[in-house]
Amino acid sequence: MSGNILTNRERDVFVLLVNNKSTKEIAQILNISEKTVRNHVSNAMQKLGCKGRAGAVIELIKLGEIKL
């Protein structure tokens, strides 16, 4: 797998997640609903084959999709 697995919005959500933002804070920052944030996280985890947010973050870092 190479870069650009995620949509730009999914990447935005995970960048905020690794910066310790809550679902509510992410929703406010991106001007979307909390449900939409959860949908982006869920879609990204499905694409990555991960069961949890932490596993998805690790995969995204390994793949170079996000940086710490």
PDB file of N, CA and C in Angstrom:
ATOM      1  N   MET A   1       0.837  -1.190   0.000  1.00  0.00           N
ATOM      2  CA  MET A   1       0.000   0.000   0.000  1.00  0.00           C
ATOM      3  C   MET A   1       0.879   1.249   0.000  1.00  0.00           C
ATOM      4  N   SER A   2       0.510   2.216  -0.794  1.00  0.00           N
ATOM      5  CA  SER A   2       1.244   3.470  -0.773  1.00  0.00           C
ATOM      6  C   SER A   2       0.320   4.587  -0.308  1.00  0.00           C
ATOM      7  N   GLY A   3       0.799   5.829  -0.339  1.00  0.00           N
ATOM      8  CA  GLY A   3       0.057   6.961   0.191  1.00  0.00           C
ATOM      9  C   GLY A   3      -1.324   7.139  -0.422  1.00  0.00           C
ATOM     10  N   ASN A   4      -2.061   8.046   0.165  1.00  0.00           N
ATOM     11  CA  ASN A   4      -3.389   8.422  -0.311  1.00  0.00           C
ATOM     12  C   ASN A   4      -4.428   7.306  -0.208  1.00  0.00           C
ATOM     13  N   ILE A   5      -4.362   6.568   0.870  1.00  0.00           N
ATOM     14  CA  ILE A   5      -5.369   5.557   1.156  1.00  0.00           C
ATOM     15  C   ILE A   5      -6.634   6.256   1.652  1.00  0.00           C
ATOM     16  N   LEU A   6      -6.435   7.302   2.428  1.00  0.00           N
ATOM     17  CA  LEU A   6      -7.551   8.026   3.033  1.00  0.00           C
ATOM     18  C   LEU A   6      -7.976   9.206   2.178  1.00  0.00           C
ATOM     19  N   THR A   7      -9.222   9.612   2.376  1.00  0.00           N
ATOM     20  CA  THR A   7      -9.652  10.880   1.787  1.00  0.00           C
ATOM     21  C   THR A   7      -8.987  11.998   2.591  1.00  0.00           C
ATOM     22  N   ASN A   8      -8.978  13.183   2.031  1.00  0.00           N
ATOM     23  CA  ASN A   8      -8.394  14.323   2.755  1.00  0.00           C
ATOM     24  C   ASN A   8      -9.085  14.531   4.090  1.00  0.00           C
ATOM     25  N   ARG A   9     -10.394  14.372   4.125  1.00  0.00           N
ATOM     26  CA  ARG A   9     -11.143  14.600   5.361  1.00  0.00           C
ATOM     27  C   ARG A   9     -10.820  13.538   6.400  1.00  0.00           C
ATOM     28  N   GLU A  10     -10.718  12.276   5.966  1.00  0.00           N
ATOM     29  CA  GLU A  10     -10.345  11.212   6.907  1.00  0.00           C
ATOM     30  C   GLU A  10      -8.968  11.502   7.494  1.00  0.00           C
ATOM     31  N   ARG A  11      -8.052  11.956   6.643  1.00  0.00           N
ATOM     32  CA  ARG A  11      -6.706  12.294   7.116  1.00  0.00           C
ATOM     33  C   ARG A  11      -6.768  13.448   8.117  1.00  0.00           C
ATOM     34  N   ASP A  12      -7.578  14.478   7.813  1.00  0.00           N
ATOM     35  CA  ASP A  12      -7.746  15.611   8.737  1.00  0.00           C
ATOM     36  C   ASP A  12      -8.194  15.125  10.111  1.00  0.00           C
ATOM     37  N   VAL A  13      -9.156  14.209  10.125  1.00  0.00           N
ATOM     38  CA  VAL A  13      -9.687  13.679  11.383  1.00  0.00           C
ATOM     39  C   VAL A  13      -8.584  12.962  12.161  1.00  0.00           C
ATOM     40  N   PHE A  14      -7.799  12.123  11.496  1.00  0.00           N
ATOM     41  CA  PHE A  14      -6.753  11.381  12.198  1.00  0.00           C
ATOM     42  C   PHE A  14      -5.606  12.269  12.661  1.00  0.00           C
ATOM     43  N   VAL A  15      -5.298  13.305  11.890  1.00  0.00           N
ATOM     44  CA  VAL A  15      -4.270  14.254  12.336  1.00  0.00           C
ATOM     45  C   VAL A  15      -4.715  14.902  13.646  1.00  0.00           C
ATOM     46  N   LEU A  16      -5.975  15.267  13.723  1.00  0.00           N
ATOM     47  CA  LEU A  16      -6.492  15.856  14.962  1.00  0.00           C
ATOM     48  C   LEU A  16      -6.539  14.824  16.090  1.00  0.00           C
ATOM     49  N   LEU A  17      -6.864  13.583  15.760  1.00  0.00           N
ATOM     50  CA  LEU A  17      -6.870  12.518  16.778  1.00  0.00           C
ATOM     51  C   LEU A  17      -5.495  12.336  17.400  1.00  0.00           C
ATOM     52  N   VAL A  18      -4.459  12.317  16.569  1.00  0.00           N
ATOM     53  CA  VAL A  18      -3.113  12.114  17.119  1.00  0.00           C
ATOM     54  C   VAL A  18      -2.632  13.348  17.883  1.00  0.00           C
ATOM     55  N   ASN A  19      -3.333  14.461  17.687  1.00  0.00           N
ATOM     56  CA  ASN A  19      -3.037  15.661  18.469  1.00  0.00           C
ATOM     57  C   ASN A  19      -3.959  15.766  19.689  1.00  0.00           C
ATOM     58  N   ASN A  20      -4.482  14.611  20.088  1.00  0.00           N
ATOM     59  CA  ASN A  20      -5.237  14.460  21.335  1.00  0.00           C
ATOM     60  C   ASN A  20      -6.551  15.233  21.367  1.00  0.00           C
ATOM     61  N   LYS A  21      -7.195  15.377  20.217  1.00  0.00           N
ATOM     62  CA  LYS A  21      -8.497  16.035  20.168  1.00  0.00           C
ATOM     63  C   LYS A  21      -9.600  14.987  20.302  1.00  0.00           C
ATOM     64  N   SER A  22     -10.653  15.353  20.997  1.00  0.00           N
ATOM     65  CA  SER A  22     -11.797  14.455  21.164  1.00  0.00           C
ATOM     66  C   SER A  22     -12.675  14.511  19.913  1.00  0.00           C
ATOM     67  N   THR A  23     -13.595  13.572  19.826  1.00  0.00           N
ATOM     68  CA  THR A  23     -14.542  13.558  18.708  1.00  0.00           C
ATOM     69  C   THR A  23     -15.293  14.888  18.650  1.00  0.00           C
ATOM     70  N   LYS A  24     -15.712  15.369  19.805  1.00  0.00           N
ATOM     71  CA  LYS A  24     -16.453  16.637  19.864  1.00  0.00           C
ATOM     72  C   LYS A  24     -15.584  17.798  19.381  1.00  0.00           C
ATOM     73  N   GLU A  25     -14.324  17.840  19.833  1.00  0.00           N
ATOM     74  CA  GLU A  25     -13.414  18.918  19.419  1.00  0.00           C
ATOM     75  C   GLU A  25     -13.139  18.852  17.909  1.00  0.00           C
ATOM     76  N   ILE A  26     -12.945  17.644  17.391  1.00  0.00           N
ATOM     77  CA  ILE A  26     -12.701  17.475  15.952  1.00  0.00           C
ATOM     78  C   ILE A  26     -13.897  17.982  15.159  1.00  0.00           C
ATOM     79  N   ALA A  27     -15.096  17.629  15.613  1.00  0.00           N
ATOM     80  CA  ALA A  27     -16.314  18.075  14.942  1.00  0.00           C
ATOM     81  C   ALA A  27     -16.380  19.601  14.900  1.00  0.00           C
ATOM     82  N   GLN A  28     -16.046  20.238  16.015  1.00  0.00           N
ATOM     83  CA  GLN A  28     -16.090  21.702  16.072  1.00  0.00           C
ATOM     84  C   GLN A  28     -15.025  22.318  15.162  1.00  0.00           C
ATOM     85  N   ILE A  29     -13.813  21.778  15.198  1.00  0.00           N
ATOM     86  CA  ILE A  29     -12.711  22.316  14.387  1.00  0.00           C
ATOM     87  C   ILE A  29     -13.022  22.203  12.900  1.00  0.00           C
ATOM     88  N   LEU A  30     -13.555  21.047  12.485  1.00  0.00           N
ATOM     89  CA  LEU A  30     -13.813  20.805  11.060  1.00  0.00           C
ATOM     90  C   LEU A  30     -15.209  21.251  10.624  1.00  0.00           C
ATOM     91  N   ASN A  31     -15.994  21.735  11.592  1.00  0.00           N
ATOM     92  CA  ASN A  31     -17.356  22.201  11.305  1.00  0.00           C
ATOM     93  C   ASN A  31     -18.224  21.096  10.701  1.00  0.00           C
ATOM     94  N   ILE A  32     -18.140  19.917  11.311  1.00  0.00           N
ATOM     95  CA  ILE A  32     -18.961  18.766  10.920  1.00  0.00           C
ATOM     96  C   ILE A  32     -19.564  18.168  12.189  1.00  0.00           C
ATOM     97  N   SER A  33     -20.506  17.253  12.046  1.00  0.00           N
ATOM     98  CA  SER A  33     -21.132  16.648  13.228  1.00  0.00           C
ATOM     99  C   SER A  33     -20.229  15.570  13.833  1.00  0.00           C
ATOM    100  N   GLU A  34     -20.478  15.271  15.104  1.00  0.00           N
ATOM    101  CA  GLU A  34     -19.717  14.201  15.764  1.00  0.00           C
ATOM    102  C   GLU A  34     -19.949  12.871  15.051  1.00  0.00           C
ATOM    103  N   LYS A  35     -21.172  12.657  14.565  1.00  0.00           N
ATOM    104  CA  LYS A  35     -21.470  11.416  13.836  1.00  0.00           C
ATOM    105  C   LYS A  35     -20.610  11.328  12.574  1.00  0.00           C
ATOM    106  N   THR A  36     -20.439  12.447  11.886  1.00  0.00           N
ATOM    107  CA  THR A  36     -19.610  12.454  10.682  1.00  0.00           C
ATOM    108  C   THR A  36     -18.154  12.141  11.034  1.00  0.00           C
ATOM    109  N   VAL A  37     -17.679  12.676  12.150  1.00  0.00           N
ATOM    110  CA  VAL A  37     -16.317  12.357  12.606  1.00  0.00           C
ATOM    111  C   VAL A  37     -16.198  10.851  12.818  1.00  0.00           C
ATOM    112  N   ARG A  38     -17.163  10.278  13.532  1.00  0.00           N
ATOM    113  CA  ARG A  38     -17.138   8.832  13.788  1.00  0.00           C
ATOM    114  C   ARG A  38     -17.203   8.032  12.484  1.00  0.00           C
ATOM    115  N   ASN A  39     -17.991   8.514  11.523  1.00  0.00           N
ATOM    116  CA  ASN A  39     -18.072   7.836  10.223  1.00  0.00           C
ATOM    117  C   ASN A  39     -16.719   7.864   9.507  1.00  0.00           C
ATOM    118  N   HIS A  40     -16.043   9.009   9.539  1.00  0.00           N
ATOM    119  CA  HIS A  40     -14.717   9.101   8.906  1.00  0.00           C
ATOM    120  C   HIS A  40     -13.736   8.129   9.561  1.00  0.00           C
ATOM    121  N   VAL A  41     -13.766   8.078  10.885  1.00  0.00           N
ATOM    122  CA  VAL A  41     -12.871   7.162  11.612  1.00  0.00           C
ATOM    123  C   VAL A  41     -13.192   5.717  11.239  1.00  0.00           C
ATOM    124  N   SER A  42     -14.474   5.392  11.231  1.00  0.00           N
ATOM    125  CA  SER A  42     -14.912   4.038  10.905  1.00  0.00           C
ATOM    126  C   SER A  42     -14.520   3.645   9.481  1.00  0.00           C
ATOM    127  N   ASN A  43     -14.732   4.546   8.533  1.00  0.00           N
ATOM    128  CA  ASN A  43     -14.370   4.269   7.137  1.00  0.00           C
ATOM    129  C   ASN A  43     -12.868   4.042   6.999  1.00  0.00           C
ATOM    130  N   ALA A  44     -12.087   4.865   7.668  1.00  0.00           N
ATOM    131  CA  ALA A  44     -10.634   4.726   7.602  1.00  0.00           C
ATOM    132  C   ALA A  44     -10.191   3.402   8.223  1.00  0.00           C
ATOM    133  N   MET A  45     -10.771   3.041   9.362  1.00  0.00           N
ATOM    134  CA  MET A  45     -10.403   1.774  10.008  1.00  0.00           C
ATOM    135  C   MET A  45     -10.757   0.598   9.112  1.00  0.00           C
ATOM    136  N   GLN A  46     -11.881   0.684   8.428  1.00  0.00           N
ATOM    137  CA  GLN A  46     -12.293  -0.385   7.513  1.00  0.00           C
ATOM    138  C   GLN A  46     -11.291  -0.507   6.360  1.00  0.00           C
ATOM    139  N   LYS A  47     -10.891   0.612   5.775  1.00  0.00           N
ATOM    140  CA  LYS A  47      -9.907   0.601   4.683  1.00  0.00           C
ATOM    141  C   LYS A  47      -8.589  -0.016   5.129  1.00  0.00           C
ATOM    142  N   LEU A  48      -8.212   0.256   6.385  1.00  0.00           N
ATOM    143  CA  LEU A  48      -6.920  -0.209   6.916  1.00  0.00           C
ATOM    144  C   LEU A  48      -6.997  -1.621   7.499  1.00  0.00           C
ATOM    145  N   GLY A  49      -8.212  -2.121   7.701  1.00  0.00           N
ATOM    146  CA  GLY A  49      -8.379  -3.432   8.311  1.00  0.00           C
ATOM    147  C   GLY A  49      -8.046  -3.441   9.789  1.00  0.00           C
ATOM    148  N   CYS A  50      -8.295  -2.308  10.460  1.00  0.00           N
ATOM    149  CA  CYS A  50      -8.003  -2.172  11.891  1.00  0.00           C
ATOM    150  C   CYS A  50      -9.295  -2.158  12.693  1.00  0.00           C
ATOM    151  N   LYS A  51      -9.209  -2.652  13.913  1.00  0.00           N
ATOM    152  CA  LYS A  51     -10.393  -2.705  14.752  1.00  0.00           C
ATOM    153  C   LYS A  51     -10.520  -1.492  15.682  1.00  0.00           C
ATOM    154  N   GLY A  52      -9.433  -0.801  15.927  1.00  0.00           N
ATOM    155  CA  GLY A  52      -9.490   0.338  16.848  1.00  0.00           C
ATOM    156  C   GLY A  52      -8.764   1.544  16.311  1.00  0.00           C
ATOM    157  N   ARG A  53      -9.046   2.684  16.937  1.00  0.00           N
ATOM    158  CA  ARG A  53      -8.409   3.930  16.511  1.00  0.00           C
ATOM    159  C   ARG A  53      -6.896   3.867  16.657  1.00  0.00           C
ATOM    160  N   ALA A  54      -6.432   3.299  17.766  1.00  0.00           N
ATOM    161  CA  ALA A  54      -4.987   3.237  18.001  1.00  0.00           C
ATOM    162  C   ALA A  54      -4.297   2.417  16.912  1.00  0.00           C
ATOM    163  N   GLY A  55      -4.882   1.282  16.563  1.00  0.00           N
ATOM    164  CA  GLY A  55      -4.319   0.452  15.502  1.00  0.00           C
ATOM    165  C   GLY A  55      -4.303   1.177  14.175  1.00  0.00           C
ATOM    166  N   ALA A  56      -5.350   1.941  13.914  1.00  0.00           N
ATOM    167  CA  ALA A  56      -5.423   2.706  12.673  1.00  0.00           C
ATOM    168  C   ALA A  56      -4.344   3.778  12.642  1.00  0.00           C
ATOM    169  N   VAL A  57      -4.137   4.449  13.759  1.00  0.00           N
ATOM    170  CA  VAL A  57      -3.090   5.478  13.833  1.00  0.00           C
ATOM    171  C   VAL A  57      -1.725   4.863  13.554  1.00  0.00           C
ATOM    172  N   ILE A  58      -1.448   3.707  14.154  1.00  0.00           N
ATOM    173  CA  ILE A  58      -0.157   3.037  13.940  1.00  0.00           C
ATOM    174  C   ILE A  58       0.021   2.697  12.464  1.00  0.00           C
ATOM    175  N   GLU A  59      -1.008   2.140  11.852  1.00  0.00           N
ATOM    176  CA  GLU A  59      -0.933   1.801  10.425  1.00  0.00           C
ATOM    177  C   GLU A  59      -0.700   3.036   9.568  1.00  0.00           C
ATOM    178  N   LEU A  60      -1.414   4.108   9.873  1.00  0.00           N
ATOM    179  CA  LEU A  60      -1.285   5.340   9.090  1.00  0.00           C
ATOM    180  C   LEU A  60       0.116   5.933   9.200  1.00  0.00           C
ATOM    181  N   ILE A  61       0.702   5.827  10.386  1.00  0.00           N
ATOM    182  CA  ILE A  61       2.083   6.306  10.558  1.00  0.00           C
ATOM    183  C   ILE A  61       3.038   5.432   9.752  1.00  0.00           C
ATOM    184  N   LYS A  62       2.863   4.122   9.846  1.00  0.00           N
ATOM    185  CA  LYS A  62       3.714   3.193   9.090  1.00  0.00           C
ATOM    186  C   LYS A  62       3.642   3.455   7.589  1.00  0.00           C
ATOM    187  N   LEU A  63       2.428   3.777   7.119  1.00  0.00           N
ATOM    188  CA  LEU A  63       2.194   3.990   5.692  1.00  0.00           C
ATOM    189  C   LEU A  63       2.584   5.409   5.245  1.00  0.00           C
ATOM    190  N   GLY A  64       2.955   6.247   6.205  1.00  0.00           N
ATOM    191  CA  GLY A  64       3.340   7.611   5.860  1.00  0.00           C
ATOM    192  C   GLY A  64       2.156   8.522   5.581  1.00  0.00           C
ATOM    193  N   GLU A  65       0.951   8.085   5.962  1.00  0.00           N
ATOM    194  CA  GLU A  65      -0.249   8.903   5.735  1.00  0.00           C
ATOM    195  C   GLU A  65      -0.316  10.075   6.714  1.00  0.00           C
ATOM    196  N   ILE A  66       0.141   9.836   7.947  1.00  0.00           N
ATOM    197  CA  ILE A  66       0.182  10.902   8.937  1.00  0.00           C
ATOM    198  C   ILE A  66       1.516  10.837   9.662  1.00  0.00           C
ATOM    199  N   LYS A  67       1.876  11.945  10.286  1.00  0.00           N
ATOM    200  CA  LYS A  67       3.116  12.018  11.057  1.00  0.00           C
ATOM    201  C   LYS A  67       2.813  12.487  12.473  1.00  0.00           C
ATOM    202  N   LEU A  68       3.661  12.052  13.392  1.00  0.00           N
ATOM    203  CA  LEU A  68       3.489  12.519  14.776  1.00  0.00           C
ATOM    204  C   LEU A  68       4.178  13.849  14.971  1.00  0.00           C
TER     205      LEU A  68
END
